[in-house]
Amino acid sequence: MNSRPDEIIDAAYVCFTRHGARRTTMHDLAEEAGISRAALYQYFRNKEDVFRALVERLLAGALSASERAAEMEGLPEARLAGILSAKLGLVMQIWRDSPAHAAELLGVDTRLSSDVLGRYDEAMLGLLTRTVQDSYPAADAPEAAEILLAFTRGLEAGVSDPAALPERLRRGVEVFVAGLNNLTPMKEQP
């Protein structure tokens, strides 16, 4: 059973994807959650706090999926693509759920959640670095991780065809790994 804050965050996702972040009000959030505004204020000070809680939840889910992908057996490109697919999948979900407001939601007031985004990026860089280092010990793993994350951000920024993104990500990771294969010997896979 969900807690009241979880129910409010669920309602926030519905409201933000329906109306956009700017047009959503605390009244909208309370109504969607089925509670009074006074009850809503017992859990969140303002709309920005609700938005931040939603960002935290979404990124925690994406990070958890990335961590599972990092632990997969198989070729490095499959693991790397899996790690990045979770991040890209979140962006695609928002575009699917809210084509009219996705750009606003993905770019809205990053200052409100910049520390959350920073922690998420650090965790993603760590996962990518370890994954590259595990398979390519001679590679500059931190630099490779930065490049892979920047590549994914580029895909996210240019969402003209969301359905094509997974294939573009897979191809990009394959090309990148082919370059690593040419530069450094790959560690034997179990």
N, C-alpha and C. Protein backbone atom coordinates (compact mmCIF):
# COMPACT_ATOMS: atom_id res chain seq x y z
N MET A 1 0.84 -1.19 0.00
CA MET A 1 0.00 0.00 0.00
C MET A 1 0.89 1.25 0.00
N ASN A 2 0.53 2.21 -0.82
CA ASN A 2 1.31 3.44 -0.92
C ASN A 2 1.05 4.35 0.27
N SER A 3 2.09 5.08 0.64
CA SER A 3 1.94 6.10 1.68
C SER A 3 1.29 7.33 1.06
N ARG A 4 0.82 8.22 1.90
CA ARG A 4 0.18 9.45 1.41
C ARG A 4 1.15 10.26 0.52
N PRO A 5 2.41 10.47 0.94
CA PRO A 5 3.31 11.20 0.04
C PRO A 5 3.48 10.51 -1.32
N ASP A 6 3.53 9.17 -1.32
CA ASP A 6 3.62 8.45 -2.60
C ASP A 6 2.39 8.69 -3.46
N GLU A 7 1.22 8.71 -2.83
CA GLU A 7 -0.02 8.97 -3.57
C GLU A 7 -0.01 10.38 -4.14
N ILE A 8 0.53 11.32 -3.40
CA ILE A 8 0.62 12.70 -3.88
C ILE A 8 1.59 12.78 -5.06
N ILE A 9 2.69 12.07 -4.97
CA ILE A 9 3.67 12.07 -6.07
C ILE A 9 3.06 11.41 -7.31
N ASP A 10 2.30 10.33 -7.12
CA ASP A 10 1.58 9.72 -8.25
C ASP A 10 0.66 10.75 -8.90
N ALA A 11 -0.08 11.47 -8.08
CA ALA A 11 -1.00 12.50 -8.58
C ALA A 11 -0.22 13.61 -9.29
N ALA A 12 0.94 13.95 -8.76
CA ALA A 12 1.76 15.00 -9.37
C ALA A 12 2.18 14.61 -10.78
N TYR A 13 2.56 13.36 -10.96
CA TYR A 13 2.96 12.92 -12.30
C TYR A 13 1.79 13.11 -13.27
N VAL A 14 0.61 12.73 -12.85
CA VAL A 14 -0.58 12.88 -13.68
C VAL A 14 -0.81 14.36 -14.01
N CYS A 15 -0.77 15.21 -13.00
CA CYS A 15 -1.02 16.64 -13.20
C CYS A 15 0.05 17.30 -14.06
N PHE A 16 1.31 17.03 -13.75
CA PHE A 16 2.39 17.66 -14.50
C PHE A 16 2.39 17.22 -15.96
N THR A 17 2.07 15.95 -16.21
CA THR A 17 2.02 15.51 -17.61
C THR A 17 0.76 16.00 -18.32
N ARG A 18 -0.29 16.24 -17.58
CA ARG A 18 -1.54 16.72 -18.18
C ARG A 18 -1.50 18.23 -18.44
N HIS A 19 -1.05 19.00 -17.44
CA HIS A 19 -1.12 20.46 -17.52
C HIS A 19 0.23 21.14 -17.72
N GLY A 20 1.32 20.42 -17.52
CA GLY A 20 2.63 21.04 -17.51
C GLY A 20 2.95 21.53 -16.11
N ALA A 21 4.20 21.79 -15.86
CA ALA A 21 4.62 22.20 -14.52
C ALA A 21 4.15 23.61 -14.19
N ARG A 22 4.19 24.50 -15.15
CA ARG A 22 3.83 25.90 -14.87
C ARG A 22 2.34 26.04 -14.55
N ARG A 23 1.50 25.32 -15.27
CA ARG A 23 0.05 25.49 -15.10
C ARG A 23 -0.53 24.66 -13.95
N THR A 24 0.20 23.66 -13.50
CA THR A 24 -0.30 22.84 -12.39
C THR A 24 -0.28 23.66 -11.11
N THR A 25 -1.35 23.58 -10.35
CA THR A 25 -1.45 24.30 -9.08
C THR A 25 -1.51 23.30 -7.93
N MET A 26 -1.34 23.81 -6.72
CA MET A 26 -1.49 22.96 -5.54
C MET A 26 -2.93 22.44 -5.46
N HIS A 27 -3.88 23.25 -5.90
CA HIS A 27 -5.27 22.80 -5.94
C HIS A 27 -5.41 21.59 -6.86
N ASP A 28 -4.79 21.66 -8.05
CA ASP A 28 -4.83 20.53 -8.99
C ASP A 28 -4.24 19.27 -8.35
N LEU A 29 -3.10 19.44 -7.67
CA LEU A 29 -2.43 18.30 -7.04
C LEU A 29 -3.29 17.68 -5.95
N ALA A 30 -3.89 18.53 -5.13
CA ALA A 30 -4.74 18.03 -4.05
C ALA A 30 -5.96 17.31 -4.61
N GLU A 31 -6.57 17.90 -5.62
CA GLU A 31 -7.76 17.29 -6.22
C GLU A 31 -7.42 15.93 -6.83
N GLU A 32 -6.32 15.85 -7.56
CA GLU A 32 -5.93 14.58 -8.19
C GLU A 32 -5.59 13.53 -7.14
N ALA A 33 -5.00 13.95 -6.03
CA ALA A 33 -4.65 13.02 -4.95
C ALA A 33 -5.85 12.67 -4.08
N GLY A 34 -6.96 13.39 -4.25
CA GLY A 34 -8.16 13.11 -3.47
C GLY A 34 -8.05 13.58 -2.02
N ILE A 35 -7.32 14.67 -1.82
CA ILE A 35 -7.16 15.22 -0.47
C ILE A 35 -7.39 16.73 -0.52
N SER A 36 -7.51 17.34 0.64
CA SER A 36 -7.67 18.79 0.69
C SER A 36 -6.32 19.46 0.49
N ARG A 37 -6.36 20.74 0.12
CA ARG A 37 -5.10 21.49 0.00
C ARG A 37 -4.40 21.55 1.35
N ALA A 38 -5.16 21.69 2.43
CA ALA A 38 -4.55 21.73 3.76
C ALA A 38 -3.79 20.44 4.04
N ALA A 39 -4.37 19.31 3.65
CA ALA A 39 -3.69 18.02 3.85
C ALA A 39 -2.43 17.94 2.98
N LEU A 40 -2.52 18.45 1.77
CA LEU A 40 -1.35 18.46 0.88
C LEU A 40 -0.20 19.24 1.50
N TYR A 41 -0.52 20.37 2.10
CA TYR A 41 0.52 21.21 2.73
C TYR A 41 1.13 20.56 3.97
N GLN A 42 0.51 19.54 4.50
CA GLN A 42 1.13 18.80 5.61
C GLN A 42 2.34 18.00 5.13
N TYR A 43 2.36 17.68 3.84
CA TYR A 43 3.43 16.85 3.29
C TYR A 43 4.43 17.62 2.44
N PHE A 44 3.95 18.66 1.77
CA PHE A 44 4.81 19.43 0.86
C PHE A 44 4.53 20.91 1.05
N ARG A 45 5.61 21.71 1.09
CA ARG A 45 5.45 23.16 1.31
C ARG A 45 4.86 23.87 0.10
N ASN A 46 5.22 23.38 -1.09
CA ASN A 46 4.77 24.06 -2.31
C ASN A 46 4.90 23.11 -3.50
N LYS A 47 4.49 23.60 -4.65
CA LYS A 47 4.52 22.81 -5.87
C LYS A 47 5.94 22.39 -6.23
N GLU A 48 6.90 23.26 -5.96
CA GLU A 48 8.29 22.94 -6.27
C GLU A 48 8.79 21.75 -5.46
N ASP A 49 8.36 21.65 -4.20
CA ASP A 49 8.74 20.50 -3.37
C ASP A 49 8.15 19.20 -3.93
N VAL A 50 6.93 19.29 -4.41
CA VAL A 50 6.29 18.11 -5.01
C VAL A 50 7.05 17.72 -6.28
N PHE A 51 7.39 18.71 -7.09
CA PHE A 51 8.13 18.44 -8.32
C PHE A 51 9.46 17.78 -8.00
N ARG A 52 10.16 18.30 -7.02
CA ARG A 52 11.46 17.74 -6.61
C ARG A 52 11.30 16.29 -6.15
N ALA A 53 10.27 16.00 -5.37
CA ALA A 53 10.03 14.63 -4.91
C ALA A 53 9.75 13.70 -6.09
N LEU A 54 9.03 14.21 -7.07
CA LEU A 54 8.76 13.42 -8.27
C LEU A 54 10.06 13.13 -9.02
N VAL A 55 10.90 14.14 -9.19
CA VAL A 55 12.19 13.95 -9.87
C VAL A 55 13.03 12.91 -9.12
N GLU A 56 13.07 13.02 -7.80
CA GLU A 56 13.83 12.05 -7.00
C GLU A 56 13.33 10.63 -7.25
N ARG A 57 12.02 10.45 -7.25
CA ARG A 57 11.47 9.12 -7.46
C ARG A 57 11.80 8.59 -8.86
N LEU A 58 11.59 9.43 -9.87
CA LEU A 58 11.84 8.98 -11.25
C LEU A 58 13.31 8.61 -11.45
N LEU A 59 14.21 9.44 -10.94
CA LEU A 59 15.63 9.16 -11.11
C LEU A 59 16.07 7.94 -10.30
N ALA A 60 15.49 7.75 -9.12
CA ALA A 60 15.82 6.56 -8.32
C ALA A 60 15.41 5.29 -9.07
N GLY A 61 14.26 5.32 -9.72
CA GLY A 61 13.83 4.17 -10.51
C GLY A 61 14.73 3.90 -11.69
N ALA A 62 15.13 4.97 -12.39
CA ALA A 62 16.03 4.81 -13.53
C ALA A 62 17.39 4.31 -13.07
N LEU A 63 17.89 4.82 -11.96
CA LEU A 63 19.19 4.38 -11.45
C LEU A 63 19.15 2.91 -11.04
N SER A 64 18.08 2.50 -10.41
CA SER A 64 17.93 1.10 -10.01
C SER A 64 17.97 0.18 -11.24
N ALA A 65 17.27 0.57 -12.30
CA ALA A 65 17.29 -0.21 -13.54
C ALA A 65 18.69 -0.22 -14.16
N SER A 66 19.39 0.90 -14.09
CA SER A 66 20.77 0.96 -14.60
C SER A 66 21.69 0.05 -13.81
N GLU A 67 21.51 0.02 -12.50
CA GLU A 67 22.34 -0.85 -11.65
C GLU A 67 22.10 -2.32 -11.99
N ARG A 68 20.86 -2.69 -12.24
CA ARG A 68 20.57 -4.07 -12.64
C ARG A 68 21.23 -4.39 -13.97
N ALA A 69 21.19 -3.46 -14.91
CA ALA A 69 21.82 -3.67 -16.21
C ALA A 69 23.34 -3.82 -16.08
N ALA A 70 23.93 -3.09 -15.17
CA ALA A 70 25.39 -3.17 -14.97
C ALA A 70 25.80 -4.54 -14.46
N GLU A 71 24.90 -5.23 -13.78
CA GLU A 71 25.20 -6.55 -13.21
C GLU A 71 24.90 -7.70 -14.18
N MET A 72 24.34 -7.38 -15.33
CA MET A 72 23.99 -8.43 -16.30
C MET A 72 25.24 -9.17 -16.77
N GLU A 73 25.04 -10.40 -17.14
CA GLU A 73 26.08 -11.16 -17.84
C GLU A 73 26.02 -10.76 -19.30
N GLY A 74 27.12 -10.90 -20.00
CA GLY A 74 27.08 -10.65 -21.44
C GLY A 74 28.14 -9.68 -21.89
N LEU A 75 28.01 -9.30 -23.13
CA LEU A 75 28.98 -8.42 -23.77
C LEU A 75 28.93 -7.02 -23.16
N PRO A 76 30.08 -6.36 -23.15
CA PRO A 76 30.12 -5.00 -22.58
C PRO A 76 29.14 -4.04 -23.24
N GLU A 77 28.99 -4.14 -24.56
CA GLU A 77 28.08 -3.20 -25.22
C GLU A 77 26.64 -3.41 -24.77
N ALA A 78 26.26 -4.64 -24.46
CA ALA A 78 24.90 -4.90 -23.97
C ALA A 78 24.73 -4.31 -22.57
N ARG A 79 25.74 -4.45 -21.73
CA ARG A 79 25.66 -3.89 -20.38
C ARG A 79 25.63 -2.37 -20.44
N LEU A 80 26.51 -1.78 -21.24
CA LEU A 80 26.55 -0.31 -21.35
C LEU A 80 25.23 0.22 -21.92
N ALA A 81 24.74 -0.42 -22.97
CA ALA A 81 23.46 0.02 -23.55
C ALA A 81 22.34 -0.13 -22.53
N GLY A 82 22.37 -1.18 -21.73
CA GLY A 82 21.35 -1.37 -20.70
C GLY A 82 21.39 -0.28 -19.65
N ILE A 83 22.59 0.09 -19.23
CA ILE A 83 22.74 1.17 -18.24
C ILE A 83 22.13 2.46 -18.79
N LEU A 84 22.48 2.78 -20.02
CA LEU A 84 22.02 4.03 -20.62
C LEU A 84 20.56 3.98 -21.05
N SER A 85 20.07 2.79 -21.37
CA SER A 85 18.66 2.65 -21.78
C SER A 85 17.70 3.04 -20.67
N ALA A 86 18.07 2.77 -19.44
CA ALA A 86 17.20 3.14 -18.32
C ALA A 86 17.03 4.66 -18.26
N LYS A 87 18.13 5.38 -18.46
CA LYS A 87 18.08 6.85 -18.46
C LYS A 87 17.25 7.34 -19.64
N LEU A 88 17.54 6.80 -20.80
CA LEU A 88 16.82 7.20 -22.01
C LEU A 88 15.35 6.80 -21.92
N GLY A 89 15.08 5.65 -21.31
CA GLY A 89 13.70 5.18 -21.16
C GLY A 89 12.84 6.14 -20.36
N LEU A 90 13.43 6.75 -19.36
CA LEU A 90 12.70 7.74 -18.56
C LEU A 90 12.27 8.92 -19.43
N VAL A 91 13.19 9.40 -20.25
CA VAL A 91 12.88 10.52 -21.15
C VAL A 91 11.78 10.12 -22.13
N MET A 92 11.91 8.91 -22.68
CA MET A 92 10.90 8.43 -23.63
C MET A 92 9.53 8.30 -22.96
N GLN A 93 9.50 7.84 -21.72
CA GLN A 93 8.23 7.71 -20.98
C GLN A 93 7.55 9.07 -20.84
N ILE A 94 8.34 10.09 -20.51
CA ILE A 94 7.77 11.43 -20.35
C ILE A 94 7.25 11.95 -21.69
N TRP A 95 7.99 11.71 -22.77
CA TRP A 95 7.52 12.13 -24.10
C TRP A 95 6.23 11.40 -24.48
N ARG A 96 6.15 10.11 -24.16
CA ARG A 96 4.93 9.35 -24.46
C ARG A 96 3.74 9.85 -23.64
N ASP A 97 3.98 10.06 -22.35
CA ASP A 97 2.90 10.45 -21.45
C ASP A 97 2.46 11.89 -21.61
N SER A 98 3.34 12.73 -22.13
CA SER A 98 3.01 14.15 -22.21
C SER A 98 3.70 14.83 -23.39
N PRO A 99 3.30 14.49 -24.62
CA PRO A 99 3.96 15.11 -25.77
C PRO A 99 3.88 16.63 -25.76
N ALA A 100 2.78 17.17 -25.25
CA ALA A 100 2.59 18.62 -25.23
C ALA A 100 3.46 19.32 -24.20
N HIS A 101 3.86 18.61 -23.14
CA HIS A 101 4.58 19.26 -22.04
C HIS A 101 5.95 18.63 -21.74
N ALA A 102 6.35 17.64 -22.53
CA ALA A 102 7.59 16.92 -22.23
C ALA A 102 8.80 17.86 -22.19
N ALA A 103 8.93 18.72 -23.18
CA ALA A 103 10.09 19.62 -23.21
C ALA A 103 10.13 20.49 -21.96
N GLU A 104 8.97 20.98 -21.56
CA GLU A 104 8.90 21.80 -20.35
C GLU A 104 9.26 20.96 -19.12
N LEU A 105 8.70 19.77 -19.01
CA LEU A 105 8.94 18.94 -17.83
C LEU A 105 10.40 18.50 -17.73
N LEU A 106 11.01 18.21 -18.87
CA LEU A 106 12.40 17.75 -18.85
C LEU A 106 13.37 18.89 -18.61
N GLY A 107 12.94 20.11 -18.89
CA GLY A 107 13.84 21.24 -18.70
C GLY A 107 13.44 22.16 -17.57
N VAL A 108 12.33 21.87 -16.91
CA VAL A 108 11.78 22.80 -15.94
C VAL A 108 12.69 22.96 -14.74
N ASP A 109 12.95 24.19 -14.42
CA ASP A 109 13.63 24.57 -13.18
C ASP A 109 14.61 23.52 -12.66
N THR A 110 15.62 23.21 -13.45
CA THR A 110 16.60 22.24 -12.97
C THR A 110 17.29 22.72 -11.71
N ARG A 111 17.22 24.01 -11.45
CA ARG A 111 17.80 24.52 -10.21
C ARG A 111 17.09 23.94 -8.99
N LEU A 112 15.81 23.62 -9.15
CA LEU A 112 15.04 23.03 -8.05
C LEU A 112 15.57 21.67 -7.65
N SER A 113 16.11 20.97 -8.61
CA SER A 113 16.56 19.60 -8.34
C SER A 113 17.98 19.37 -8.83
N SER A 114 18.77 20.43 -8.92
CA SER A 114 20.12 20.28 -9.46
C SER A 114 20.97 19.34 -8.62
N ASP A 115 20.80 19.36 -7.30
CA ASP A 115 21.59 18.44 -6.47
C ASP A 115 21.16 17.00 -6.70
N VAL A 116 19.87 16.77 -6.90
CA VAL A 116 19.37 15.42 -7.18
C VAL A 116 19.92 14.95 -8.53
N LEU A 117 19.85 15.82 -9.53
CA LEU A 117 20.39 15.48 -10.84
C LEU A 117 21.90 15.25 -10.77
N GLY A 118 22.59 16.05 -9.97
CA GLY A 118 24.03 15.88 -9.81
C GLY A 118 24.39 14.53 -9.20
N ARG A 119 23.65 14.13 -8.17
CA ARG A 119 23.90 12.81 -7.56
C ARG A 119 23.59 11.68 -8.53
N TYR A 120 22.54 11.86 -9.30
CA TYR A 120 22.19 10.85 -10.30
C TYR A 120 23.29 10.73 -11.35
N ASP A 121 23.76 11.87 -11.85
CA ASP A 121 24.83 11.85 -12.85
C ASP A 121 26.10 11.20 -12.29
N GLU A 122 26.45 11.51 -11.05
CA GLU A 122 27.62 10.90 -10.42
C GLU A 122 27.47 9.38 -10.33
N ALA A 123 26.29 8.93 -9.95
CA ALA A 123 26.05 7.49 -9.85
C ALA A 123 26.13 6.83 -11.22
N MET A 124 25.56 7.49 -12.23
CA MET A 124 25.62 6.95 -13.60
C MET A 124 27.06 6.89 -14.09
N LEU A 125 27.82 7.95 -13.83
CA LEU A 125 29.23 7.95 -14.24
C LEU A 125 29.99 6.82 -13.55
N GLY A 126 29.70 6.59 -12.28
CA GLY A 126 30.34 5.50 -11.56
C GLY A 126 30.02 4.14 -12.16
N LEU A 127 28.75 3.91 -12.47
CA LEU A 127 28.35 2.64 -13.09
C LEU A 127 29.03 2.45 -14.44
N LEU A 128 29.02 3.49 -15.25
CA LEU A 128 29.64 3.40 -16.57
C LEU A 128 31.14 3.20 -16.46
N THR A 129 31.78 3.93 -15.55
CA THR A 129 33.22 3.80 -15.37
C THR A 129 33.59 2.38 -14.97
N ARG A 130 32.88 1.83 -13.99
CA ARG A 130 33.18 0.46 -13.54
C ARG A 130 32.94 -0.55 -14.65
N THR A 131 31.89 -0.35 -15.42
CA THR A 131 31.57 -1.29 -16.49
C THR A 131 32.64 -1.25 -17.57
N VAL A 132 33.09 -0.06 -17.96
CA VAL A 132 34.16 0.05 -18.95
C VAL A 132 35.45 -0.55 -18.38
N GLN A 133 35.77 -0.19 -17.15
CA GLN A 133 37.01 -0.67 -16.52
C GLN A 133 37.03 -2.19 -16.40
N ASP A 134 35.88 -2.79 -16.10
CA ASP A 134 35.81 -4.26 -15.99
C ASP A 134 36.17 -4.96 -17.29
N SER A 135 35.76 -4.39 -18.42
CA SER A 135 35.99 -5.04 -19.71
C SER A 135 37.21 -4.52 -20.44
N TYR A 136 37.60 -3.29 -20.18
CA TYR A 136 38.71 -2.66 -20.89
C TYR A 136 39.65 -2.00 -19.89
N PRO A 137 40.43 -2.79 -19.16
CA PRO A 137 41.26 -2.24 -18.08
C PRO A 137 42.25 -1.18 -18.55
N ALA A 138 42.66 -1.22 -19.81
CA ALA A 138 43.63 -0.24 -20.30
C ALA A 138 42.98 1.05 -20.77
N ALA A 139 41.66 1.08 -20.85
CA ALA A 139 40.96 2.28 -21.32
C ALA A 139 40.93 3.34 -20.24
N ASP A 140 40.75 4.58 -20.66
CA ASP A 140 40.51 5.68 -19.72
C ASP A 140 39.01 5.62 -19.39
N ALA A 141 38.68 4.79 -18.41
CA ALA A 141 37.28 4.50 -18.09
C ALA A 141 36.48 5.75 -17.70
N PRO A 142 37.02 6.66 -16.87
CA PRO A 142 36.23 7.86 -16.54
C PRO A 142 35.91 8.70 -17.78
N GLU A 143 36.88 8.83 -18.68
CA GLU A 143 36.62 9.60 -19.90
C GLU A 143 35.58 8.89 -20.77
N ALA A 144 35.69 7.57 -20.89
CA ALA A 144 34.71 6.81 -21.66
C ALA A 144 33.31 6.99 -21.08
N ALA A 145 33.21 6.96 -19.76
CA ALA A 145 31.91 7.15 -19.10
C ALA A 145 31.34 8.53 -19.42
N GLU A 146 32.17 9.56 -19.37
CA GLU A 146 31.72 10.92 -19.70
C GLU A 146 31.20 10.99 -21.13
N ILE A 147 31.92 10.36 -22.05
CA ILE A 147 31.52 10.39 -23.46
C ILE A 147 30.18 9.67 -23.65
N LEU A 148 30.04 8.50 -23.04
CA LEU A 148 28.79 7.75 -23.17
C LEU A 148 27.60 8.51 -22.58
N LEU A 149 27.81 9.15 -21.44
CA LEU A 149 26.72 9.91 -20.83
C LEU A 149 26.38 11.14 -21.69
N ALA A 150 27.40 11.80 -22.24
CA ALA A 150 27.16 12.95 -23.12
C ALA A 150 26.41 12.52 -24.38
N PHE A 151 26.78 11.37 -24.92
CA PHE A 151 26.08 10.84 -26.10
C PHE A 151 24.59 10.64 -25.79
N THR A 152 24.30 10.08 -24.65
CA THR A 152 22.91 9.83 -24.27
C THR A 152 22.16 11.15 -24.07
N ARG A 153 22.82 12.12 -23.46
CA ARG A 153 22.18 13.44 -23.30
C ARG A 153 21.85 14.05 -24.66
N GLY A 154 22.75 13.85 -25.62
CA GLY A 154 22.49 14.34 -26.97
C GLY A 154 21.27 13.70 -27.59
N LEU A 155 21.13 12.40 -27.41
CA LEU A 155 19.92 11.71 -27.90
C LEU A 155 18.68 12.27 -27.22
N GLU A 156 18.76 12.50 -25.92
CA GLU A 156 17.62 13.02 -25.17
C GLU A 156 17.23 14.41 -25.64
N ALA A 157 18.22 15.22 -25.98
CA ALA A 157 17.96 16.61 -26.37
C ALA A 157 17.34 16.70 -27.76
N GLY A 158 17.61 15.73 -28.60
CA GLY A 158 17.11 15.79 -29.98
C GLY A 158 16.01 14.81 -30.23
N VAL A 159 15.00 14.81 -29.40
CA VAL A 159 13.92 13.83 -29.51
C VAL A 159 12.95 14.27 -30.60
N SER A 160 13.27 13.91 -31.84
CA SER A 160 12.32 14.17 -32.93
C SER A 160 11.52 12.91 -33.22
N ASP A 161 12.11 11.76 -32.94
CA ASP A 161 11.45 10.48 -33.17
C ASP A 161 11.75 9.57 -31.98
N PRO A 162 10.94 9.67 -30.91
CA PRO A 162 11.21 8.88 -29.71
C PRO A 162 11.34 7.38 -29.96
N ALA A 163 10.59 6.86 -30.92
CA ALA A 163 10.63 5.42 -31.19
C ALA A 163 11.99 4.98 -31.73
N ALA A 164 12.73 5.89 -32.35
CA ALA A 164 14.04 5.55 -32.92
C ALA A 164 15.16 5.60 -31.89
N LEU A 165 14.91 6.18 -30.73
CA LEU A 165 15.98 6.38 -29.74
C LEU A 165 16.64 5.09 -29.26
N PRO A 166 15.91 4.04 -28.93
CA PRO A 166 16.59 2.83 -28.45
C PRO A 166 17.58 2.26 -29.47
N GLU A 167 17.17 2.25 -30.74
CA GLU A 167 18.07 1.73 -31.78
C GLU A 167 19.27 2.65 -31.97
N ARG A 168 19.06 3.95 -31.92
CA ARG A 168 20.19 4.88 -32.03
C ARG A 168 21.16 4.72 -30.87
N LEU A 169 20.62 4.51 -29.68
CA LEU A 169 21.47 4.29 -28.52
C LEU A 169 22.28 3.01 -28.70
N ARG A 170 21.62 1.93 -29.10
CA ARG A 170 22.32 0.66 -29.29
C ARG A 170 23.44 0.79 -30.31
N ARG A 171 23.13 1.43 -31.45
CA ARG A 171 24.15 1.60 -32.50
C ARG A 171 25.31 2.48 -32.01
N GLY A 172 24.98 3.55 -31.33
CA GLY A 172 26.03 4.43 -30.83
C GLY A 172 26.96 3.73 -29.85
N VAL A 173 26.39 2.94 -28.96
CA VAL A 173 27.20 2.20 -27.99
C VAL A 173 28.05 1.17 -28.72
N GLU A 174 27.49 0.49 -29.73
CA GLU A 174 28.27 -0.48 -30.50
C GLU A 174 29.46 0.18 -31.19
N VAL A 175 29.24 1.34 -31.78
CA VAL A 175 30.33 2.06 -32.45
C VAL A 175 31.39 2.46 -31.42
N PHE A 176 30.96 2.95 -30.28
CA PHE A 176 31.90 3.36 -29.24
C PHE A 176 32.72 2.16 -28.75
N VAL A 177 32.06 1.05 -28.51
CA VAL A 177 32.75 -0.15 -28.03
C VAL A 177 33.69 -0.69 -29.10
N ALA A 178 33.30 -0.58 -30.38
CA ALA A 178 34.21 -1.00 -31.45
C ALA A 178 35.50 -0.19 -31.40
N GLY A 179 35.36 1.09 -31.09
CA GLY A 179 36.56 1.92 -30.92
C GLY A 179 37.40 1.47 -29.74
N LEU A 180 36.76 1.14 -28.64
CA LEU A 180 37.50 0.62 -27.49
C LEU A 180 38.19 -0.69 -27.83
N ASN A 181 37.51 -1.54 -28.59
CA ASN A 181 38.11 -2.82 -28.99
C ASN A 181 39.36 -2.60 -29.83
N ASN A 182 39.38 -1.55 -30.63
CA ASN A 182 40.54 -1.27 -31.47
C ASN A 182 41.68 -0.63 -30.70
N LEU A 183 41.35 0.05 -29.60
CA LEU A 183 42.38 0.73 -28.82
C LEU A 183 42.98 -0.13 -27.73
N THR A 184 42.16 -0.97 -27.14
CA THR A 184 42.62 -1.74 -25.98
C THR A 184 42.13 -3.17 -26.09
N PRO A 185 42.91 -4.10 -25.59
CA PRO A 185 42.43 -5.49 -25.60
C PRO A 185 41.28 -5.64 -24.60
N MET A 186 40.29 -6.43 -25.00
CA MET A 186 39.14 -6.67 -24.13
C MET A 186 39.49 -7.75 -23.13
N LYS A 187 39.04 -7.56 -21.92
CA LYS A 187 39.21 -8.57 -20.87
C LYS A 187 38.36 -9.79 -21.24
N GLU A 188 38.88 -10.95 -21.00
CA GLU A 188 38.14 -12.19 -21.29
C GLU A 188 36.81 -12.20 -20.55
N GLN A 189 35.75 -12.58 -21.26
CA GLN A 189 34.43 -12.68 -20.65
C GLN A 189 34.26 -14.07 -20.04
N PRO A 190 33.60 -14.16 -18.90
CA PRO A 190 33.39 -15.47 -18.26
C PRO A 190 32.48 -16.36 -19.08
